[in-house]
């Protein structure tokens, strides 16, 4: 993947190595494994409590959700993990 020139109306593509893998563990079955970026999702909320990453355990099939601090967010976004920004409704 190559970087595209920055334009005012178009997206900027950031180069991501094709073989990025992340180490993870399942709190349910205690299995340890590596996951590709496509297997993870990152949700960034307004606080630490609402910022997390999630995946499905390849061993037991459990849905896993873990908190994501600043460093984890940086690593996951830099590794090409799909990110969802959570917004709170205005009061």
Protein backbone atom coordinates (compact mmCIF):
# COMPACT_ATOMS: atom_id res chain seq x y z
CA UNK A 1 0.00 0.00 0.00
CA UNK A 2 1.35 3.42 -0.83
CA UNK A 3 0.57 6.83 0.54
CA UNK A 4 -1.59 9.03 -1.63
CA UNK A 5 -0.92 12.75 -1.93
CA UNK A 6 -2.93 14.84 0.54
CA UNK A 7 -5.89 16.62 -1.02
CA UNK A 8 -8.48 18.83 0.57
CA UNK A 9 -11.39 16.61 -0.41
CA UNK A 10 -9.97 13.09 -0.54
CA UNK A 11 -8.85 10.61 2.11
CA UNK A 12 -5.24 10.10 3.03
CA UNK A 13 -3.99 6.52 2.87
CA UNK A 14 -1.40 5.50 5.43
CA UNK A 15 0.91 2.62 4.50
CA UNK A 16 0.36 -0.46 6.69
CA UNK A 17 2.54 -3.57 6.59
CA UNK A 18 0.56 -6.48 5.14
CA UNK A 19 1.53 -9.03 7.79
CA UNK A 20 0.74 -7.11 11.00
CA UNK A 21 -0.29 -9.55 13.76
CA UNK A 22 -1.33 -8.80 17.33
CA UNK A 23 -0.87 -11.06 20.35
CA UNK A 24 -4.01 -11.60 22.35
CA UNK A 25 -5.44 -13.88 25.02
CA UNK A 26 -8.93 -15.05 25.89
CA UNK A 27 -9.96 -14.48 29.52
CA UNK A 28 -12.51 -17.30 29.21
CA UNK A 29 -10.50 -20.27 27.94
CA UNK A 30 -7.08 -18.69 28.64
CA UNK A 31 -5.82 -19.47 25.14
CA UNK A 32 -3.04 -17.28 23.72
CA UNK A 33 -2.85 -16.57 20.00
CA UNK A 34 -2.06 -14.02 17.31
CA UNK A 35 -4.71 -12.16 15.34
CA UNK A 36 -4.58 -10.26 12.07
CA UNK A 37 -5.77 -6.64 12.09
CA UNK A 38 -8.98 -7.73 10.32
CA UNK A 39 -9.95 -9.88 13.34
CA UNK A 40 -9.95 -6.92 15.74
CA UNK A 41 -12.24 -3.92 16.21
CA UNK A 42 -11.37 -0.76 18.12
CA UNK A 43 -14.01 1.54 19.63
CA UNK A 44 -12.87 4.97 20.79
CA UNK A 45 -15.21 6.66 23.20
CA UNK A 46 -15.20 9.88 25.18
CA UNK A 47 -13.50 8.28 28.19
CA UNK A 48 -11.23 5.41 29.19
CA UNK A 49 -14.30 3.39 30.17
CA UNK A 50 -15.75 3.65 26.66
CA UNK A 51 -12.54 2.96 24.72
CA UNK A 52 -11.97 -0.72 24.05
CA UNK A 53 -10.99 -3.33 21.49
CA UNK A 54 -12.83 -6.54 20.74
CA UNK A 55 -12.38 -9.83 18.93
CA UNK A 56 -13.77 -13.35 18.82
CA UNK A 57 -11.60 -16.01 20.44
CA UNK A 58 -10.49 -18.44 17.72
CA UNK A 59 -10.31 -21.26 20.29
CA UNK A 60 -13.66 -21.10 22.12
CA UNK A 61 -15.67 -18.62 20.03
CA UNK A 62 -16.26 -16.20 22.92
CA UNK A 63 -16.74 -12.51 22.22
CA UNK A 64 -13.91 -10.71 24.04
CA UNK A 65 -13.86 -7.03 24.96
CA UNK A 66 -10.84 -5.42 26.62
CA UNK A 67 -10.05 -1.83 27.62
CA UNK A 68 -7.69 0.10 25.36
CA UNK A 69 -5.40 2.75 26.80
CA UNK A 70 -3.57 5.32 24.72
CA UNK A 71 -0.69 2.99 23.81
CA UNK A 72 -3.03 0.17 22.69
CA UNK A 73 -5.07 2.64 20.61
CA UNK A 74 -1.85 3.85 18.98
CA UNK A 75 -0.66 0.31 18.19
CA UNK A 76 -4.00 -0.89 16.85
CA UNK A 77 -4.69 2.14 14.66
CA UNK A 78 -1.10 2.06 13.37
CA UNK A 79 -1.53 -1.63 12.55
CA UNK A 80 -4.64 -1.08 10.44
CA UNK A 81 -7.36 -2.20 12.88
CA UNK A 82 -10.78 -0.86 11.93
CA UNK A 83 -11.83 1.91 14.29
CA UNK A 84 -15.25 3.13 15.35
CA UNK A 85 -15.53 6.52 17.06
CA UNK A 86 -18.32 6.55 19.61
CA UNK A 87 -20.18 9.82 20.07
CA UNK A 88 -22.41 10.76 22.95
CA UNK A 89 -25.70 12.53 22.38
CA UNK A 90 -25.68 16.24 23.24
CA UNK A 91 -27.86 17.18 26.18
